[in-house]
Amino acid sequence: MIVTIDGPAGSGKSTAARGLAKRLGFDFLDTGAMYRVVALCCLERGIAATDEQAASEATRSIDMQVRDGCTFMNDHDVTAVIRSPEVTESASVVAGIAGVRDELVNWQRRAVGAKNIVTEGRDQGTVVFPEAKCKFFLTAAPEERARRRQQDLERTGVIVDFDEMLRLIHERDER
C-alpha cells in the first residue's frame, strides 16, 4: 500500500510521514532528500541550479541510496550536509527542472516496488503515485512554515532571520 503526503515546504509533510510510517510499520520515502542530493551534486560540480541540461545529466550520474534513515550520494553519507540552507535553496530550484523531476520520479517509483510505504513531497499523490489508495495534503500559513524552518535550522546551529526565511518560503511557493 502507498500512502502519499503532499503539500508546500514547511507544512509538516516529513514529520507527519515519518510518524505515520512508524505507526503503521511502513517504510518511509523522503523525496525531498532526493532533490537535495541533486542540489548538492550540482553545487559540488559547480553546476548552476538553473542549468537544466547539466543538472539533468548530473541527476542521471548519481548513485543515490536511502537506507536506515540516512541518505547516500555515491557511497558517501550526506544526511547532514543536504539540510544546509545553501543546499535547501538550490534543491527548490533544481526541483523545477523537468529532466531532474522525470529522473527522480522514476527512481521513486522503482524504490517503492511492492513495499508498504509512506511517501512525502510535492506531487506525490497526483504525479508520482496517482494510484495511491490513501492521499493527504498538508498546508500551513507561510508564517508558520517559516517559523518551523527557522527552528529546524537553529537546531543545527544555523541562525536565520525570520523575515528572510519568510521571503524564502514565498519564493519557493512561487516556484
N, C-alpha and C. Protein backbone atom coordinates (compact mmCIF):
# COMPACT_ATOMS: atom_id res chain seq x y z
N MET A 1 0.83 -1.18 0.00
CA MET A 1 0.00 0.00 0.00
C MET A 1 0.88 1.24 0.00
N ILE A 2 0.49 2.23 -0.77
CA ILE A 2 1.20 3.51 -0.83
C ILE A 2 0.33 4.59 -0.20
N VAL A 3 0.91 5.33 0.74
CA VAL A 3 0.26 6.49 1.35
C VAL A 3 1.10 7.70 0.96
N THR A 4 0.44 8.72 0.39
CA THR A 4 1.17 9.93 -0.01
C THR A 4 0.77 11.10 0.87
N ILE A 5 1.76 11.96 1.12
CA ILE A 5 1.51 13.21 1.85
C ILE A 5 2.14 14.33 1.04
N ASP A 6 1.30 15.18 0.49
CA ASP A 6 1.73 16.31 -0.33
C ASP A 6 1.56 17.60 0.45
N GLY A 7 2.16 18.67 -0.08
CA GLY A 7 1.99 20.00 0.49
C GLY A 7 3.22 20.85 0.26
N PRO A 8 3.12 22.13 0.54
CA PRO A 8 4.24 23.04 0.33
C PRO A 8 5.34 22.87 1.38
N ALA A 9 6.50 23.48 1.10
CA ALA A 9 7.64 23.42 2.01
C ALA A 9 7.25 23.92 3.40
N GLY A 10 7.67 23.18 4.40
CA GLY A 10 7.46 23.60 5.78
C GLY A 10 6.08 23.32 6.33
N SER A 11 5.26 22.57 5.62
CA SER A 11 3.90 22.31 6.08
C SER A 11 3.82 21.15 7.07
N GLY A 12 4.92 20.44 7.25
CA GLY A 12 4.93 19.33 8.20
C GLY A 12 4.85 17.97 7.54
N LYS A 13 5.06 17.92 6.23
CA LYS A 13 4.94 16.66 5.50
C LYS A 13 5.88 15.59 6.05
N SER A 14 7.15 15.94 6.20
CA SER A 14 8.14 14.94 6.63
C SER A 14 7.85 14.44 8.03
N THR A 15 7.52 15.34 8.93
CA THR A 15 7.22 14.94 10.31
C THR A 15 6.01 14.02 10.34
N ALA A 16 4.96 14.40 9.62
CA ALA A 16 3.74 13.57 9.58
C ALA A 16 4.02 12.23 8.92
N ALA A 17 4.78 12.23 7.82
CA ALA A 17 5.05 10.99 7.09
C ALA A 17 5.90 10.03 7.91
N ARG A 18 6.92 10.56 8.57
CA ARG A 18 7.77 9.70 9.42
C ARG A 18 6.95 9.07 10.54
N GLY A 19 6.14 9.91 11.18
CA GLY A 19 5.31 9.42 12.29
C GLY A 19 4.29 8.38 11.84
N LEU A 20 3.65 8.63 10.71
CA LEU A 20 2.65 7.69 10.19
C LEU A 20 3.31 6.38 9.78
N ALA A 21 4.45 6.47 9.10
CA ALA A 21 5.15 5.26 8.67
C ALA A 21 5.53 4.41 9.88
N LYS A 22 6.03 5.05 10.91
CA LYS A 22 6.42 4.32 12.12
C LYS A 22 5.21 3.66 12.76
N ARG A 23 4.12 4.41 12.84
CA ARG A 23 2.91 3.88 13.47
C ARG A 23 2.33 2.70 12.70
N LEU A 24 2.40 2.78 11.36
CA LEU A 24 1.85 1.72 10.52
C LEU A 24 2.83 0.56 10.31
N GLY A 25 4.11 0.78 10.64
CA GLY A 25 5.12 -0.22 10.34
C GLY A 25 5.49 -0.25 8.87
N PHE A 26 5.30 0.88 8.17
CA PHE A 26 5.61 1.02 6.75
C PHE A 26 7.00 1.64 6.60
N ASP A 27 7.57 1.50 5.41
CA ASP A 27 8.80 2.22 5.07
C ASP A 27 8.44 3.68 4.83
N PHE A 28 9.45 4.54 4.90
CA PHE A 28 9.26 5.97 4.66
C PHE A 28 10.17 6.40 3.53
N LEU A 29 9.62 7.12 2.55
CA LEU A 29 10.39 7.62 1.42
C LEU A 29 10.42 9.15 1.50
N ASP A 30 11.61 9.69 1.77
CA ASP A 30 11.82 11.13 1.89
C ASP A 30 12.25 11.67 0.52
N THR A 31 11.29 12.08 -0.28
CA THR A 31 11.61 12.53 -1.64
C THR A 31 12.35 13.86 -1.63
N GLY A 32 12.13 14.67 -0.62
CA GLY A 32 12.84 15.94 -0.53
C GLY A 32 14.34 15.72 -0.44
N ALA A 33 14.75 14.65 0.25
CA ALA A 33 16.17 14.33 0.37
C ALA A 33 16.77 14.06 -1.01
N MET A 34 15.99 13.48 -1.89
CA MET A 34 16.49 13.17 -3.23
C MET A 34 16.81 14.44 -4.01
N TYR A 35 15.92 15.42 -3.93
CA TYR A 35 16.17 16.69 -4.62
C TYR A 35 17.35 17.42 -3.99
N ARG A 36 17.51 17.26 -2.69
CA ARG A 36 18.65 17.87 -2.01
C ARG A 36 19.96 17.22 -2.45
N VAL A 37 19.94 15.92 -2.70
CA VAL A 37 21.14 15.24 -3.19
C VAL A 37 21.53 15.78 -4.56
N VAL A 38 20.55 15.96 -5.42
CA VAL A 38 20.83 16.53 -6.75
C VAL A 38 21.42 17.93 -6.59
N ALA A 39 20.83 18.72 -5.71
CA ALA A 39 21.34 20.08 -5.48
C ALA A 39 22.78 20.03 -4.97
N LEU A 40 23.06 19.15 -4.03
CA LEU A 40 24.42 19.02 -3.51
C LEU A 40 25.39 18.62 -4.62
N CYS A 41 25.00 17.69 -5.44
CA CYS A 41 25.84 17.25 -6.55
C CYS A 41 26.14 18.44 -7.48
N CYS A 42 25.12 19.22 -7.79
CA CYS A 42 25.31 20.39 -8.65
C CYS A 42 26.25 21.39 -8.00
N LEU A 43 26.05 21.66 -6.73
CA LEU A 43 26.92 22.59 -6.02
C LEU A 43 28.37 22.11 -6.03
N GLU A 44 28.57 20.83 -5.76
CA GLU A 44 29.93 20.29 -5.72
C GLU A 44 30.60 20.33 -7.08
N ARG A 45 29.82 20.20 -8.14
CA ARG A 45 30.38 20.19 -9.50
C ARG A 45 30.40 21.58 -10.14
N GLY A 46 29.94 22.59 -9.41
CA GLY A 46 29.92 23.94 -9.95
C GLY A 46 28.86 24.15 -11.02
N ILE A 47 27.80 23.36 -10.95
CA ILE A 47 26.69 23.46 -11.91
C ILE A 47 25.64 24.41 -11.33
N ALA A 48 25.25 25.41 -12.11
CA ALA A 48 24.20 26.33 -11.67
C ALA A 48 22.89 25.56 -11.54
N ALA A 49 22.15 25.83 -10.49
CA ALA A 49 20.88 25.15 -10.27
C ALA A 49 19.88 25.43 -11.38
N THR A 50 20.13 26.46 -12.14
CA THR A 50 19.23 26.82 -13.25
C THR A 50 19.67 26.22 -14.59
N ASP A 51 20.80 25.52 -14.61
CA ASP A 51 21.31 24.91 -15.85
C ASP A 51 20.59 23.57 -16.05
N GLU A 52 19.51 23.62 -16.81
CA GLU A 52 18.64 22.46 -16.95
C GLU A 52 19.35 21.23 -17.51
N GLN A 53 20.12 21.41 -18.55
CA GLN A 53 20.80 20.26 -19.17
C GLN A 53 21.83 19.65 -18.23
N ALA A 54 22.68 20.48 -17.65
CA ALA A 54 23.74 19.96 -16.77
C ALA A 54 23.16 19.34 -15.51
N ALA A 55 22.13 19.95 -14.93
CA ALA A 55 21.51 19.40 -13.72
C ALA A 55 20.84 18.06 -14.02
N SER A 56 20.20 17.96 -15.19
CA SER A 56 19.57 16.70 -15.58
C SER A 56 20.61 15.61 -15.78
N GLU A 57 21.72 15.95 -16.43
CA GLU A 57 22.81 14.99 -16.63
C GLU A 57 23.41 14.57 -15.30
N ALA A 58 23.59 15.53 -14.41
CA ALA A 58 24.14 15.21 -13.08
C ALA A 58 23.22 14.24 -12.34
N THR A 59 21.92 14.46 -12.45
CA THR A 59 20.95 13.59 -11.78
C THR A 59 21.11 12.15 -12.24
N ARG A 60 21.27 11.98 -13.54
CA ARG A 60 21.41 10.62 -14.09
C ARG A 60 22.72 9.96 -13.65
N SER A 61 23.71 10.74 -13.25
CA SER A 61 25.02 10.18 -12.90
C SER A 61 25.15 9.82 -11.42
N ILE A 62 24.18 10.20 -10.62
CA ILE A 62 24.28 10.00 -9.16
C ILE A 62 23.86 8.58 -8.78
N ASP A 63 24.66 7.97 -7.92
CA ASP A 63 24.26 6.73 -7.27
C ASP A 63 23.69 7.15 -5.92
N MET A 64 22.36 7.20 -5.85
CA MET A 64 21.68 7.68 -4.65
C MET A 64 21.05 6.51 -3.93
N GLN A 65 21.23 6.47 -2.62
CA GLN A 65 20.61 5.43 -1.81
C GLN A 65 20.07 6.05 -0.53
N VAL A 66 18.91 5.58 -0.13
CA VAL A 66 18.32 6.00 1.14
C VAL A 66 18.10 4.72 1.93
N ARG A 67 18.79 4.62 3.08
CA ARG A 67 18.65 3.41 3.89
C ARG A 67 18.89 3.74 5.36
N ASP A 68 18.12 3.08 6.19
CA ASP A 68 18.25 3.22 7.64
C ASP A 68 18.22 4.68 8.09
N GLY A 69 17.38 5.47 7.44
CA GLY A 69 17.24 6.87 7.82
C GLY A 69 18.36 7.77 7.36
N CYS A 70 19.28 7.24 6.56
CA CYS A 70 20.41 8.03 6.06
C CYS A 70 20.35 8.12 4.53
N THR A 71 20.89 9.20 4.01
CA THR A 71 20.91 9.44 2.57
C THR A 71 22.36 9.40 2.10
N PHE A 72 22.59 8.63 1.03
CA PHE A 72 23.94 8.46 0.49
C PHE A 72 24.00 8.93 -0.95
N MET A 73 25.09 9.61 -1.30
CA MET A 73 25.36 10.02 -2.66
C MET A 73 26.72 9.44 -3.03
N ASN A 74 26.72 8.55 -4.01
CA ASN A 74 27.96 7.92 -4.44
C ASN A 74 28.74 7.33 -3.26
N ASP A 75 28.01 6.60 -2.41
CA ASP A 75 28.55 5.89 -1.24
C ASP A 75 29.01 6.79 -0.11
N HIS A 76 28.70 8.09 -0.14
CA HIS A 76 29.05 9.00 0.95
C HIS A 76 27.77 9.40 1.69
N ASP A 77 27.79 9.32 3.00
CA ASP A 77 26.65 9.73 3.81
C ASP A 77 26.54 11.24 3.77
N VAL A 78 25.47 11.74 3.16
CA VAL A 78 25.26 13.18 3.02
C VAL A 78 24.04 13.65 3.81
N THR A 79 23.60 12.83 4.74
CA THR A 79 22.38 13.11 5.51
C THR A 79 22.39 14.50 6.13
N ALA A 80 23.47 14.88 6.75
CA ALA A 80 23.53 16.18 7.42
C ALA A 80 23.74 17.33 6.45
N VAL A 81 24.67 17.17 5.51
CA VAL A 81 25.03 18.28 4.63
C VAL A 81 23.87 18.69 3.71
N ILE A 82 22.98 17.77 3.38
CA ILE A 82 21.87 18.14 2.48
C ILE A 82 20.81 19.00 3.16
N ARG A 83 20.94 19.20 4.46
CA ARG A 83 19.98 20.05 5.20
C ARG A 83 20.49 21.48 5.37
N SER A 84 21.63 21.81 4.78
CA SER A 84 22.17 23.16 4.89
C SER A 84 21.30 24.14 4.12
N PRO A 85 21.30 25.41 4.51
CA PRO A 85 20.48 26.41 3.79
C PRO A 85 20.84 26.51 2.31
N GLU A 86 22.12 26.42 1.98
CA GLU A 86 22.56 26.53 0.58
C GLU A 86 21.99 25.40 -0.26
N VAL A 87 22.06 24.18 0.27
CA VAL A 87 21.52 23.03 -0.45
C VAL A 87 19.99 23.12 -0.53
N THR A 88 19.36 23.53 0.55
CA THR A 88 17.91 23.66 0.57
C THR A 88 17.43 24.62 -0.51
N GLU A 89 18.07 25.77 -0.61
CA GLU A 89 17.68 26.77 -1.61
C GLU A 89 17.89 26.24 -3.02
N SER A 90 19.02 25.60 -3.25
CA SER A 90 19.32 25.05 -4.56
C SER A 90 18.36 23.91 -4.92
N ALA A 91 17.97 23.12 -3.93
CA ALA A 91 17.06 22.00 -4.18
C ALA A 91 15.72 22.47 -4.70
N SER A 92 15.23 23.58 -4.18
CA SER A 92 13.93 24.07 -4.64
C SER A 92 14.01 24.56 -6.08
N VAL A 93 15.21 24.94 -6.53
CA VAL A 93 15.40 25.38 -7.92
C VAL A 93 15.52 24.17 -8.84
N VAL A 94 16.39 23.21 -8.50
CA VAL A 94 16.56 22.04 -9.37
C VAL A 94 15.29 21.20 -9.44
N ALA A 95 14.45 21.28 -8.41
CA ALA A 95 13.19 20.53 -8.42
C ALA A 95 12.24 21.01 -9.51
N GLY A 96 12.46 22.21 -10.01
CA GLY A 96 11.62 22.73 -11.07
C GLY A 96 12.09 22.35 -12.47
N ILE A 97 13.17 21.60 -12.56
CA ILE A 97 13.72 21.19 -13.86
C ILE A 97 13.08 19.87 -14.28
N ALA A 98 12.45 19.86 -15.45
CA ALA A 98 11.71 18.68 -15.92
C ALA A 98 12.59 17.43 -15.96
N GLY A 99 13.81 17.53 -16.48
CA GLY A 99 14.69 16.36 -16.56
C GLY A 99 15.04 15.79 -15.21
N VAL A 100 15.25 16.66 -14.23
CA VAL A 100 15.54 16.22 -12.86
C VAL A 100 14.31 15.54 -12.28
N ARG A 101 13.16 16.18 -12.42
CA ARG A 101 11.92 15.62 -11.88
C ARG A 101 11.62 14.26 -12.50
N ASP A 102 11.75 14.16 -13.82
CA ASP A 102 11.45 12.89 -14.50
C ASP A 102 12.33 11.76 -13.97
N GLU A 103 13.63 12.05 -13.84
CA GLU A 103 14.56 11.02 -13.35
C GLU A 103 14.21 10.61 -11.91
N LEU A 104 13.92 11.58 -11.06
CA LEU A 104 13.64 11.26 -9.66
C LEU A 104 12.28 10.59 -9.49
N VAL A 105 11.30 10.97 -10.31
CA VAL A 105 10.00 10.29 -10.26
C VAL A 105 10.20 8.81 -10.61
N ASN A 106 10.97 8.53 -11.63
CA ASN A 106 11.24 7.13 -12.00
C ASN A 106 11.97 6.41 -10.87
N TRP A 107 12.94 7.08 -10.24
CA TRP A 107 13.68 6.49 -9.14
C TRP A 107 12.74 6.19 -7.97
N GLN A 108 11.84 7.13 -7.66
CA GLN A 108 10.89 6.95 -6.56
C GLN A 108 9.99 5.75 -6.81
N ARG A 109 9.50 5.63 -8.03
CA ARG A 109 8.62 4.50 -8.36
C ARG A 109 9.37 3.18 -8.24
N ARG A 110 10.61 3.13 -8.70
CA ARG A 110 11.41 1.91 -8.58
C ARG A 110 11.70 1.60 -7.11
N ALA A 111 11.96 2.62 -6.32
CA ALA A 111 12.31 2.42 -4.91
C ALA A 111 11.15 1.81 -4.12
N VAL A 112 9.94 2.15 -4.50
CA VAL A 112 8.78 1.66 -3.77
C VAL A 112 8.51 0.19 -4.07
N GLY A 113 8.53 -0.18 -5.32
CA GLY A 113 8.26 -1.58 -5.68
C GLY A 113 6.96 -2.05 -5.07
N ALA A 114 7.00 -3.16 -4.36
CA ALA A 114 5.80 -3.73 -3.74
C ALA A 114 5.75 -3.46 -2.24
N LYS A 115 6.52 -2.49 -1.77
CA LYS A 115 6.58 -2.19 -0.34
C LYS A 115 5.33 -1.45 0.13
N ASN A 116 5.05 -1.59 1.42
CA ASN A 116 4.11 -0.70 2.08
C ASN A 116 4.92 0.53 2.46
N ILE A 117 4.48 1.69 2.01
CA ILE A 117 5.32 2.87 2.15
C ILE A 117 4.49 4.13 2.37
N VAL A 118 5.06 5.05 3.14
CA VAL A 118 4.52 6.41 3.25
C VAL A 118 5.53 7.30 2.57
N THR A 119 5.08 8.07 1.60
CA THR A 119 5.97 8.95 0.85
C THR A 119 5.47 10.38 0.96
N GLU A 120 6.42 11.31 1.04
CA GLU A 120 6.04 12.71 1.17
C GLU A 120 6.75 13.54 0.12
N GLY A 121 6.15 14.64 -0.23
CA GLY A 121 6.75 15.56 -1.17
C GLY A 121 5.70 16.12 -2.11
N ARG A 122 6.10 17.13 -2.83
CA ARG A 122 5.17 17.73 -3.78
C ARG A 122 4.87 16.74 -4.90
N ASP A 123 3.63 16.71 -5.32
CA ASP A 123 3.16 15.90 -6.45
C ASP A 123 3.16 14.40 -6.20
N GLN A 124 3.32 13.95 -4.99
CA GLN A 124 3.37 12.52 -4.74
C GLN A 124 2.04 11.83 -5.06
N GLY A 125 0.94 12.42 -4.66
CA GLY A 125 -0.36 11.80 -4.88
C GLY A 125 -0.97 12.08 -6.24
N THR A 126 -0.44 13.07 -6.96
CA THR A 126 -1.00 13.42 -8.26
C THR A 126 -0.16 12.95 -9.43
N VAL A 127 1.16 13.06 -9.32
CA VAL A 127 2.04 12.72 -10.44
C VAL A 127 2.79 11.41 -10.20
N VAL A 128 3.42 11.28 -9.06
CA VAL A 128 4.30 10.14 -8.82
C VAL A 128 3.50 8.86 -8.56
N PHE A 129 2.55 8.93 -7.67
CA PHE A 129 1.74 7.76 -7.31
C PHE A 129 0.25 8.09 -7.38
N PRO A 130 -0.26 8.37 -8.57
CA PRO A 130 -1.69 8.72 -8.67
C PRO A 130 -2.61 7.57 -8.26
N GLU A 131 -2.09 6.34 -8.27
CA GLU A 131 -2.90 5.17 -7.90
C GLU A 131 -2.90 4.91 -6.39
N ALA A 132 -2.19 5.73 -5.62
CA ALA A 132 -2.13 5.54 -4.16
C ALA A 132 -3.54 5.48 -3.57
N LYS A 133 -3.72 4.57 -2.64
CA LYS A 133 -5.05 4.37 -2.03
C LYS A 133 -5.37 5.40 -0.97
N CYS A 134 -4.35 6.02 -0.42
CA CYS A 134 -4.57 6.97 0.66
C CYS A 134 -3.68 8.19 0.43
N LYS A 135 -4.32 9.36 0.27
CA LYS A 135 -3.59 10.58 -0.06
C LYS A 135 -3.98 11.70 0.91
N PHE A 136 -2.95 12.42 1.36
CA PHE A 136 -3.17 13.56 2.24
C PHE A 136 -2.51 14.79 1.64
N PHE A 137 -3.06 15.96 1.93
CA PHE A 137 -2.45 17.22 1.54
C PHE A 137 -2.39 18.10 2.79
N LEU A 138 -1.17 18.46 3.20
CA LEU A 138 -0.99 19.30 4.38
C LEU A 138 -0.64 20.71 3.96
N THR A 139 -1.08 21.65 4.74
CA THR A 139 -0.70 23.04 4.50
C THR A 139 -0.62 23.77 5.83
N ALA A 140 0.02 24.91 5.79
CA ALA A 140 0.13 25.78 6.97
C ALA A 140 0.39 27.18 6.43
N ALA A 141 0.08 28.17 7.23
CA ALA A 141 0.32 29.56 6.83
C ALA A 141 1.81 29.77 6.57
N PRO A 142 2.17 30.63 5.61
CA PRO A 142 3.58 30.89 5.33
C PRO A 142 4.38 31.28 6.57
N GLU A 143 3.79 32.06 7.46
CA GLU A 143 4.49 32.48 8.68
C GLU A 143 4.83 31.29 9.57
N GLU A 144 3.90 30.34 9.67
CA GLU A 144 4.14 29.14 10.48
C GLU A 144 5.21 28.26 9.83
N ARG A 145 5.17 28.14 8.53
CA ARG A 145 6.16 27.35 7.82
C ARG A 145 7.55 27.97 7.95
N ALA A 146 7.63 29.29 7.89
CA ALA A 146 8.91 29.98 8.06
C ALA A 146 9.43 29.78 9.48
N ARG A 147 8.55 29.85 10.46
CA ARG A 147 8.94 29.64 11.85
C ARG A 147 9.48 28.23 12.05
N ARG A 148 8.80 27.23 11.48
CA ARG A 148 9.25 25.84 11.60
C ARG A 148 10.63 25.65 10.97
N ARG A 149 10.79 26.19 9.78
CA ARG A 149 12.08 26.04 9.07
C ARG A 149 13.19 26.74 9.85
N GLN A 150 12.89 27.93 10.38
CA GLN A 150 13.87 28.66 11.17
C GLN A 150 14.29 27.83 12.39
N GLN A 151 13.33 27.22 13.07
CA GLN A 151 13.64 26.39 14.24
C GLN A 151 14.46 25.15 13.85
N ASP A 152 14.12 24.54 12.70
CA ASP A 152 14.89 23.38 12.23
C ASP A 152 16.35 23.76 12.03
N LEU A 153 16.58 24.91 11.40
CA LEU A 153 17.94 25.36 11.14
C LEU A 153 18.67 25.70 12.45
N GLU A 154 17.96 26.33 13.38
CA GLU A 154 18.58 26.68 14.66
C GLU A 154 19.04 25.44 15.42
N ARG A 155 18.30 24.34 15.27
CA ARG A 155 18.70 23.09 15.92
C ARG A 155 20.02 22.57 15.36
N THR A 156 20.36 22.97 14.15
CA THR A 156 21.64 22.55 13.55
C THR A 156 22.71 23.62 13.70
N GLY A 157 22.39 24.70 14.43
CA GLY A 157 23.37 25.74 14.68
C GLY A 157 23.37 26.87 13.66
N VAL A 158 22.42 26.86 12.73
CA VAL A 158 22.34 27.90 11.71
C VAL A 158 21.27 28.91 12.12
N ILE A 159 21.68 30.17 12.25
CA ILE A 159 20.75 31.23 12.64
C ILE A 159 20.32 31.99 11.38
N VAL A 160 19.01 32.07 11.18
CA VAL A 160 18.44 32.75 10.01
C VAL A 160 17.39 33.74 10.49
N ASP A 161 17.42 34.93 9.93
CA ASP A 161 16.43 35.95 10.24
C ASP A 161 15.04 35.48 9.80
N PHE A 162 14.04 35.70 10.65
CA PHE A 162 12.68 35.25 10.34
C PHE A 162 12.16 35.88 9.04
N ASP A 163 12.34 37.18 8.87
CA ASP A 163 11.84 37.83 7.66
C ASP A 163 12.50 37.27 6.40
N GLU A 164 13.78 36.94 6.51
CA GLU A 164 14.48 36.33 5.37
C GLU A 164 13.92 34.94 5.09
N MET A 165 13.66 34.18 6.15
CA MET A 165 13.09 32.84 5.96
C MET A 165 11.69 32.93 5.35
N LEU A 166 10.91 33.90 5.78
CA LEU A 166 9.57 34.08 5.21
C LEU A 166 9.67 34.44 3.73
N ARG A 167 10.63 35.28 3.39
CA ARG A 167 10.83 35.64 1.98
C ARG A 167 11.18 34.40 1.16
N LEU A 168 12.05 33.55 1.70
CA LEU A 168 12.44 32.33 1.00
C LEU A 168 11.26 31.37 0.83
N ILE A 169 10.43 31.28 1.85
CA ILE A 169 9.22 30.44 1.76
C ILE A 169 8.32 30.93 0.63
N HIS A 170 8.11 32.24 0.56
CA HIS A 170 7.28 32.81 -0.51
C HIS A 170 7.90 32.52 -1.89
N GLU A 171 9.23 32.65 -1.99
CA GLU A 171 9.90 32.35 -3.26
C GLU A 171 9.71 30.90 -3.67
N ARG A 172 9.86 30.00 -2.72
CA ARG A 172 9.68 28.57 -3.02
C ARG A 172 8.25 28.28 -3.45
N ASP A 173 7.31 28.94 -2.80
CA ASP A 173 5.90 28.75 -3.19
C ASP A 173 5.66 29.21 -4.62
N GLU A 174 6.28 30.30 -5.00
CA GLU A 174 6.13 30.81 -6.36
C GLU A 174 6.69 29.85 -7.39
N ARG A 175 7.85 29.24 -7.05
CA ARG A 175 8.45 28.27 -7.97
C ARG A 175 7.57 27.04 -8.08
